[in-house]
């Protein structure tokens, strides 16, 4: 049975251009810190990739730091920018951010999943130097956050702003200068590049950067360790390729999947806000998220739960809980379309979801479809 992969927010299928870029680096042997010819050749690969990625997100190449992924990029930013500052994070931040600052103050979100800017302003008004962490787009609901407005508040009150753009990059326009943030986290595999590679992009006015990993002084002393040339080359190739994606096409496919699920009794989480074109969070009242994921997997549909698993125990999604969705927080799945999704994937999902919904919610069977 063919598997229809609809879990792109977990990881994207790798793009052919990224495959080829990775393979090409294997013919170049050398350490980029070496001054001889082979070392300079690898260095050239890294600096070309640095320029490609930085310019794609409107930053300066010299202000881009390669990391092992989005999680390290978030942790590095928080480590460096939080010195002598209180940390404030939105209630819907990814665990990569939450785990890096467990004692942070929480800024609530409104019912639609958008950060409460009024609450943020009230926290900043007390004059305490702060670092604010706000993702550009939520990984579970796809809800796009008002980062520009948050950045204006931060700058007005002397706060710094770190933005996790891991899910947004490649799906909506992401411009560091336009957002007004002080730092931006990116991840290769969320764009269709290889896993194990990411980047932190700093604004020109970001403060002194103390490294999370000191090491041998690589990355201008801001991240130790020999950069992984092969994944980095693939990362840059994926960034270039993603510029050709059609968000309107993906949005139309996403909307078709959403309509099919709603006709079966699903509730769309965050549907009142602007969302990523590839993402929909669907709650099926009365049906546990983990059960839905397993049932769809048996139907050949790969999606993920809107709940996190810890020590084998399924917990309600902190994102949906923060949105005030109550029991629905443990009954939601995330459908996220990859860059290469086609109509046949949506048709297969719609048919499978209908069968699963009828099995898990027998009372809906006589009412399949809305009048």
Protein backbone atom coordinates (compact mmCIF):
# COMPACT_ATOMS: atom_id res chain seq x y z
CA UNK A 1 0.00 0.00 0.00
CA UNK A 2 1.35 3.41 -0.97
CA UNK A 3 1.97 5.84 1.89
CA UNK A 4 0.77 9.39 1.38
CA UNK A 5 3.18 11.54 3.38
CA UNK A 6 1.41 14.52 4.97
CA UNK A 7 3.77 15.29 7.85
CA UNK A 8 5.99 17.95 6.31
CA UNK A 9 6.14 20.03 9.48
CA UNK A 10 8.03 17.16 11.07
CA UNK A 11 10.39 16.93 8.10
CA UNK A 12 10.17 17.56 4.39
CA UNK A 13 11.05 15.07 1.63
CA UNK A 14 14.54 15.97 0.46
CA UNK A 15 14.68 17.90 -2.80
CA UNK A 16 16.62 16.59 -5.77
CA UNK A 17 18.74 19.75 -5.92
CA UNK A 18 19.71 19.22 -2.28
CA UNK A 19 20.66 15.59 -2.96
CA UNK A 20 22.91 16.65 -5.81
CA UNK A 21 24.53 19.43 -3.80
CA UNK A 22 25.30 17.06 -0.93
CA UNK A 23 26.76 14.43 -3.27
CA UNK A 24 28.97 16.98 -5.02
CA UNK A 25 30.73 17.90 -1.77
CA UNK A 26 31.99 14.34 -1.32
CA UNK A 27 34.48 14.94 -4.11
CA UNK A 28 36.04 17.84 -2.18
CA UNK A 29 38.25 16.76 0.73
CA UNK A 30 39.57 19.27 3.21
CA UNK A 31 38.94 21.12 6.44
CA UNK A 32 37.59 24.63 5.84
CA UNK A 33 39.92 25.99 8.53
CA UNK A 34 42.99 24.77 6.62
CA UNK A 35 44.84 27.33 4.51
CA UNK A 36 45.89 24.94 1.75
CA UNK A 37 44.05 24.49 -1.54
CA UNK A 38 41.74 21.63 -0.48
CA UNK A 39 40.78 23.51 2.68
CA UNK A 40 40.05 26.67 0.69
CA UNK A 41 37.85 24.65 -1.69
CA UNK A 42 35.65 23.47 1.18
CA UNK A 43 35.67 26.97 2.59
CA UNK A 44 34.35 28.24 -0.73
CA UNK A 45 31.42 25.78 -0.53
CA UNK A 46 30.56 27.03 2.95
CA UNK A 47 30.82 30.71 2.10
CA UNK A 48 28.75 30.33 -1.08
CA UNK A 49 26.07 28.57 0.97
CA UNK A 50 26.28 31.22 3.69
CA UNK A 51 25.72 33.97 1.13
CA UNK A 52 22.81 32.12 -0.52
CA UNK A 53 20.98 31.50 2.75
CA UNK A 54 21.64 34.89 4.32
CA UNK A 55 20.55 36.84 1.27
CA UNK A 56 17.42 34.70 0.87
CA UNK A 57 16.29 35.90 4.30
CA UNK A 58 17.64 39.43 3.88
CA UNK A 59 20.53 39.22 6.30
CA UNK A 60 24.26 39.78 5.93
CA UNK A 61 26.39 36.68 5.21
CA UNK A 62 28.82 37.64 7.98
CA UNK A 63 25.90 37.55 10.45
CA UNK A 64 24.85 33.96 9.67
CA UNK A 65 26.01 31.20 12.01
CA UNK A 66 25.70 27.57 10.90
CA UNK A 67 24.32 25.21 13.55
CA UNK A 68 23.29 21.57 13.83
CA UNK A 69 19.63 22.52 13.34
CA UNK A 70 16.81 24.75 14.47
CA UNK A 71 16.98 23.53 18.06
CA UNK A 72 20.60 24.59 18.44
CA UNK A 73 19.89 27.88 16.68
CA UNK A 74 17.15 28.65 19.22
CA UNK A 75 19.32 27.58 22.15
CA UNK A 76 22.31 29.60 20.91
CA UNK A 77 20.21 32.74 20.48
CA UNK A 78 18.67 32.42 23.93
CA UNK A 79 22.06 31.73 25.51
CA UNK A 80 23.68 34.74 23.88
CA UNK A 81 20.89 37.32 23.92
CA UNK A 82 19.47 36.67 27.38
CA UNK A 83 22.54 37.87 29.31
CA UNK A 84 21.28 40.11 32.12
CA UNK A 85 17.80 39.98 30.64
CA UNK A 86 14.50 38.44 31.69
CA UNK A 87 13.14 35.98 29.13
CA UNK A 88 9.54 36.13 27.91
CA UNK A 89 8.16 33.46 25.58
CA UNK A 90 4.76 33.02 23.97
CA UNK A 91 2.58 30.21 25.32
CA UNK A 92 2.78 28.40 21.96
CA UNK A 93 6.53 28.26 21.45
CA UNK A 94 8.21 25.07 20.27
CA UNK A 95 9.85 22.86 22.88
CA UNK A 96 13.23 23.86 21.44
CA UNK A 97 12.63 27.32 22.89
CA UNK A 98 10.76 26.24 26.03
CA UNK A 99 13.47 23.78 27.02
CA UNK A 100 16.21 26.38 26.54
CA UNK A 101 14.60 28.74 29.08
CA UNK A 102 12.45 26.70 31.49
CA UNK A 103 12.00 29.60 33.91
CA UNK A 104 10.79 32.08 31.30
CA UNK A 105 7.72 34.23 31.75
CA UNK A 106 4.78 33.20 29.58
CA UNK A 107 2.93 35.59 27.28
CA UNK A 108 -0.60 34.24 26.61
CA UNK A 109 -2.28 33.81 23.26
CA UNK A 110 -5.78 34.65 22.16
CA UNK A 111 -8.33 31.97 21.27
CA UNK A 112 -7.32 32.03 17.61
CA UNK A 113 -3.73 31.12 18.51
CA UNK A 114 -2.24 34.60 18.05
CA UNK A 115 0.00 36.06 20.75
CA UNK A 116 -1.70 38.64 22.96
CA UNK A 117 0.20 41.81 22.06
CA UNK A 118 -1.55 43.78 24.77
CA UNK A 119 -0.29 41.32 27.39
CA UNK A 120 3.21 41.53 25.91
CA UNK A 121 3.15 45.32 26.07
CA UNK A 122 2.04 45.23 29.69
CA UNK A 123 4.96 42.94 30.57
CA UNK A 124 7.47 45.16 28.75
CA UNK A 125 6.19 48.35 30.34
CA UNK A 126 7.79 47.45 33.68
CA UNK A 127 11.14 48.48 32.22
CA UNK A 128 12.99 45.25 33.00
CA UNK A 129 15.50 44.46 30.20
CA UNK A 130 14.00 41.50 28.33
CA UNK A 131 14.51 38.94 25.61
CA UNK A 132 11.24 38.00 23.90
CA UNK A 133 10.91 34.73 21.94
CA UNK A 134 8.09 34.55 19.40
CA UNK A 135 7.83 32.03 16.57
CA UNK A 136 6.83 33.30 13.13
CA UNK A 137 4.43 30.43 12.44
CA UNK A 138 3.24 27.73 14.81
CA UNK A 139 4.31 24.20 14.00
CA UNK A 140 0.99 22.62 15.11
CA UNK A 141 -1.66 25.03 13.84
CA UNK A 142 0.24 26.94 11.17
CA UNK A 143 -1.01 30.21 12.71
CA UNK A 144 1.21 33.10 11.63
CA UNK A 145 2.19 35.44 14.44
CA UNK A 146 2.25 39.28 14.35
CA UNK A 147 6.02 39.40 14.62
CA UNK A 148 6.39 42.87 13.10
CA UNK A 149 4.08 44.37 15.73
CA UNK A 150 5.84 42.44 18.49
CA UNK A 151 9.21 43.66 17.21
CA UNK A 152 7.98 47.26 17.27
CA UNK A 153 6.95 46.82 20.91
CA UNK A 154 10.28 45.23 21.80
CA UNK A 155 12.28 48.03 20.25
CA UNK A 156 10.05 50.64 21.84
CA UNK A 157 10.78 49.25 25.30
CA UNK A 158 14.41 48.28 24.73
CA UNK A 159 13.81 44.52 24.53
CA UNK A 160 15.45 42.03 22.16
CA UNK A 161 13.39 39.70 19.96
CA UNK A 162 14.35 36.20 18.83
CA UNK A 163 12.17 34.61 16.15
CA UNK A 164 11.93 30.89 15.47
CA UNK A 165 11.21 30.87 11.73
CA UNK A 166 11.79 27.13 11.28
CA UNK A 167 8.26 26.33 10.04
CA UNK A 168 7.71 29.59 8.17
CA UNK A 169 10.85 29.60 6.03
CA UNK A 170 10.14 28.47 2.49
CA UNK A 171 6.37 28.68 2.99
CA UNK A 172 5.81 32.41 3.44
CA UNK A 173 8.15 35.34 2.79
CA UNK A 174 10.67 35.66 5.62
CA UNK A 175 12.76 38.85 5.72
CA UNK A 176 14.83 39.60 8.78
CA UNK A 177 14.93 43.32 8.03
CA UNK A 178 11.17 43.47 7.50
CA UNK A 179 10.36 41.54 10.67
CA UNK A 180 12.51 43.78 12.83
CA UNK A 181 13.82 40.88 14.94
CA UNK A 182 17.30 40.65 16.41
CA UNK A 183 17.78 36.98 15.49
CA UNK A 184 16.16 34.32 13.33
CA UNK A 185 16.39 30.51 13.59
CA UNK A 186 16.27 28.32 10.46
CA UNK A 187 16.38 24.58 9.78
CA UNK A 188 17.50 22.76 6.64
CA UNK A 189 15.22 19.73 6.73
CA UNK A 190 12.06 21.82 7.12
CA UNK A 191 12.89 23.30 3.71
CA UNK A 192 13.61 20.02 1.95
CA UNK A 193 17.32 19.90 2.70
CA UNK A 194 19.20 17.31 4.78
CA UNK A 195 18.64 17.02 8.52
CA UNK A 196 21.39 17.93 10.97
CA UNK A 197 21.94 21.46 9.71
CA UNK A 198 20.45 24.85 10.53
CA UNK A 199 21.38 28.47 10.93
CA UNK A 200 21.02 31.45 13.20
CA UNK A 201 20.81 34.77 11.40
CA UNK A 202 21.61 37.89 13.42
CA UNK A 203 20.42 41.41 12.72
CA UNK A 204 23.08 44.03 12.13
CA UNK A 205 22.21 45.64 15.47
CA UNK A 206 22.20 42.43 17.52
CA UNK A 207 24.37 42.72 20.65
CA UNK A 208 27.65 40.91 21.29
CA UNK A 209 27.24 37.18 20.70
CA UNK A 210 28.65 34.84 23.34
CA UNK A 211 28.87 31.31 21.85
CA UNK A 212 26.90 28.39 23.23
CA UNK A 213 29.68 26.11 21.91
CA UNK A 214 33.09 27.76 22.09
CA UNK A 215 35.30 25.10 20.49
CA UNK A 216 38.04 26.18 18.10
CA UNK A 217 36.71 29.59 17.17
CA UNK A 218 34.91 28.63 13.96
CA UNK A 219 32.04 30.76 12.64
CA UNK A 220 33.91 33.94 13.63
CA UNK A 221 34.17 32.65 17.18
CA UNK A 222 30.40 32.28 17.55
CA UNK A 223 30.05 28.51 17.17
CA UNK A 224 32.85 26.01 17.61
CA UNK A 225 33.21 22.79 15.63
CA UNK A 226 34.05 22.03 12.02
CA UNK A 227 31.02 23.02 9.89
CA UNK A 228 29.30 20.13 8.09
CA UNK A 229 29.95 21.08 4.47
CA UNK A 230 27.72 18.45 2.85
CA UNK A 231 24.50 19.24 4.76
CA UNK A 232 25.19 22.96 4.50
CA UNK A 233 25.51 22.72 0.72
CA UNK A 234 22.22 20.80 0.63
CA UNK A 235 20.64 23.42 2.89
CA UNK A 236 21.55 26.20 0.46
CA UNK A 237 20.26 24.20 -2.50
CA UNK A 238 16.95 23.61 -0.69
CA UNK A 239 16.62 27.33 0.03
CA UNK A 240 17.09 28.11 -3.67
CA UNK A 241 14.63 25.40 -4.72
CA UNK A 242 11.97 26.46 -2.22
CA UNK A 243 11.79 29.87 -3.89
CA UNK A 244 10.00 28.13 -6.77
CA UNK A 245 7.26 26.60 -4.63
CA UNK A 246 3.70 27.78 -5.25
CA UNK A 247 1.95 28.61 -1.95
CA UNK A 248 -1.38 29.09 -3.74
CA UNK A 249 -1.24 25.52 -5.07
CA UNK A 250 -0.43 24.12 -1.63
CA UNK A 251 -3.08 26.32 -0.03
CA UNK A 252 -5.75 24.97 -2.39
CA UNK A 253 -4.77 21.39 -1.57
CA UNK A 254 -4.76 22.16 2.15
CA UNK A 255 -8.21 23.73 1.90
CA UNK A 256 -9.54 20.63 0.14
CA UNK A 257 -8.22 18.39 2.92
CA UNK A 258 -9.73 20.73 5.51
CA UNK A 259 -13.17 20.71 3.88
CA UNK A 260 -13.19 16.93 3.69
CA UNK A 261 -12.36 16.62 7.40
CA UNK A 262 -14.90 19.25 8.47
CA UNK A 263 -17.57 17.36 6.54
CA UNK A 264 -16.78 14.41 8.81
CA UNK A 265 -17.20 16.43 12.01
CA UNK A 266 -13.69 17.79 12.50
CA UNK A 267 -12.97 21.15 14.12
CA UNK A 268 -10.23 23.31 12.59
CA UNK A 269 -7.92 24.77 15.23
CA UNK A 270 -6.78 28.32 14.49
CA UNK A 271 -9.02 28.79 11.47
CA UNK A 272 -9.79 32.43 12.34
CA UNK A 273 -6.15 33.47 11.87
CA UNK A 274 -3.80 33.62 8.91
CA UNK A 275 -2.05 30.27 8.59
CA UNK A 276 0.73 28.63 6.65
CA UNK A 277 -0.61 27.43 3.29
CA UNK A 278 0.42 23.83 3.95
CA UNK A 279 -0.86 23.30 7.50
CA UNK A 280 -4.18 22.41 9.12
CA UNK A 281 -4.80 21.21 12.68
CA UNK A 282 -7.92 19.04 12.88
CA UNK A 283 -9.63 18.01 16.12
CA UNK A 284 -12.12 15.15 16.03
CA UNK A 285 -14.23 15.44 19.20
CA UNK A 286 -14.23 12.26 21.23
CA UNK A 287 -11.35 10.59 19.35
CA UNK A 288 -7.89 10.58 20.92
CA UNK A 289 -5.18 12.08 18.72
CA UNK A 290 -2.87 9.07 19.02
CA UNK A 291 -5.66 6.72 17.94
CA UNK A 292 -6.41 8.88 14.91
CA UNK A 293 -2.75 8.91 13.89
CA UNK A 294 -2.48 5.13 14.15
CA UNK A 295 -5.76 4.57 12.32
CA UNK A 296 -4.71 6.83 9.46
CA UNK A 297 -1.31 5.18 9.33
CA UNK A 298 -3.02 1.83 8.76
CA UNK A 299 -4.85 3.51 5.88
CA UNK A 300 -1.55 4.62 4.35
CA UNK A 301 -1.74 8.25 5.51
CA UNK A 302 1.19 9.69 7.48
CA UNK A 303 0.21 12.59 9.74
CA UNK A 304 1.14 13.54 13.29
CA UNK A 305 -0.67 14.21 16.54
CA UNK A 306 -1.25 17.63 17.97
CA UNK A 307 -0.03 16.06 21.22
CA UNK A 308 3.48 15.38 22.42
CA UNK A 309 4.56 11.99 23.76
CA UNK A 310 6.72 11.90 26.87
CA UNK A 311 7.79 8.71 28.60
CA UNK A 312 5.13 6.80 26.70
CA UNK A 313 2.31 8.99 28.00
CA UNK A 314 0.28 11.06 25.58
CA UNK A 315 -0.18 14.60 26.83
CA UNK A 316 -2.52 17.28 25.55
CA UNK A 317 -0.87 19.79 23.22
CA UNK A 318 0.40 22.81 25.15
CA UNK A 319 -0.35 24.91 22.06
CA UNK A 320 -4.01 23.94 21.85
CA UNK A 321 -4.38 24.12 25.62
CA UNK A 322 -3.05 27.69 25.55
CA UNK A 323 -5.69 28.47 22.92
CA UNK A 324 -8.39 27.38 25.39
CA UNK A 325 -9.54 24.34 23.41
CA UNK A 326 -10.01 22.11 26.46
CA UNK A 327 -10.39 18.41 25.67
CA UNK A 328 -9.86 19.08 21.95
CA UNK A 329 -6.19 19.65 22.82
CA UNK A 330 -5.82 15.87 23.10
CA UNK A 331 -8.00 15.09 20.08
CA UNK A 332 -6.19 16.95 17.30
CA UNK A 333 -3.97 15.83 14.46
CA UNK A 334 -1.76 17.93 12.24
CA UNK A 335 -1.89 17.57 8.47
CA UNK A 336 1.06 19.33 6.85
CA UNK A 337 1.58 19.11 3.12
CA UNK A 338 5.10 18.69 1.72
CA UNK A 339 6.43 20.71 -1.19
CA UNK A 340 5.68 17.82 -3.59
CA UNK A 341 2.09 17.09 -2.47
CA UNK A 342 -0.42 16.41 -5.24
CA UNK A 343 -4.19 16.11 -5.52
CA UNK A 344 -4.03 12.33 -5.24
CA UNK A 345 -2.60 12.69 -1.73
CA UNK A 346 -5.57 14.80 -0.69
CA UNK A 347 -8.07 12.43 -2.28
CA UNK A 348 -6.49 9.55 -0.39
CA UNK A 349 -6.54 11.51 2.87
CA UNK A 350 -10.19 12.51 2.44
CA UNK A 351 -11.30 8.93 1.83
CA UNK A 352 -9.24 7.57 4.71
CA UNK A 353 -10.33 10.28 7.14
CA UNK A 354 -13.97 9.59 6.35
CA UNK A 355 -13.54 5.91 7.15
CA UNK A 356 -11.59 6.63 10.33
CA UNK A 357 -14.09 9.23 11.54
CA UNK A 358 -16.99 6.83 11.10
CA UNK A 359 -15.14 4.10 13.01
CA UNK A 360 -14.05 6.36 15.85
CA UNK A 361 -17.27 8.34 16.09
CA UNK A 362 -20.09 5.94 15.14
CA UNK A 363 -22.71 8.53 16.03
CA UNK A 364 -21.55 10.59 13.06
CA UNK A 365 -22.18 7.81 10.56
CA UNK A 366 -25.78 8.80 9.68
CA UNK A 367 -24.69 12.44 9.35
CA UNK A 368 -21.57 12.17 7.23
CA UNK A 369 -21.33 15.49 5.42
CA UNK A 370 -22.90 18.78 6.41
CA UNK A 371 -26.26 20.01 5.15
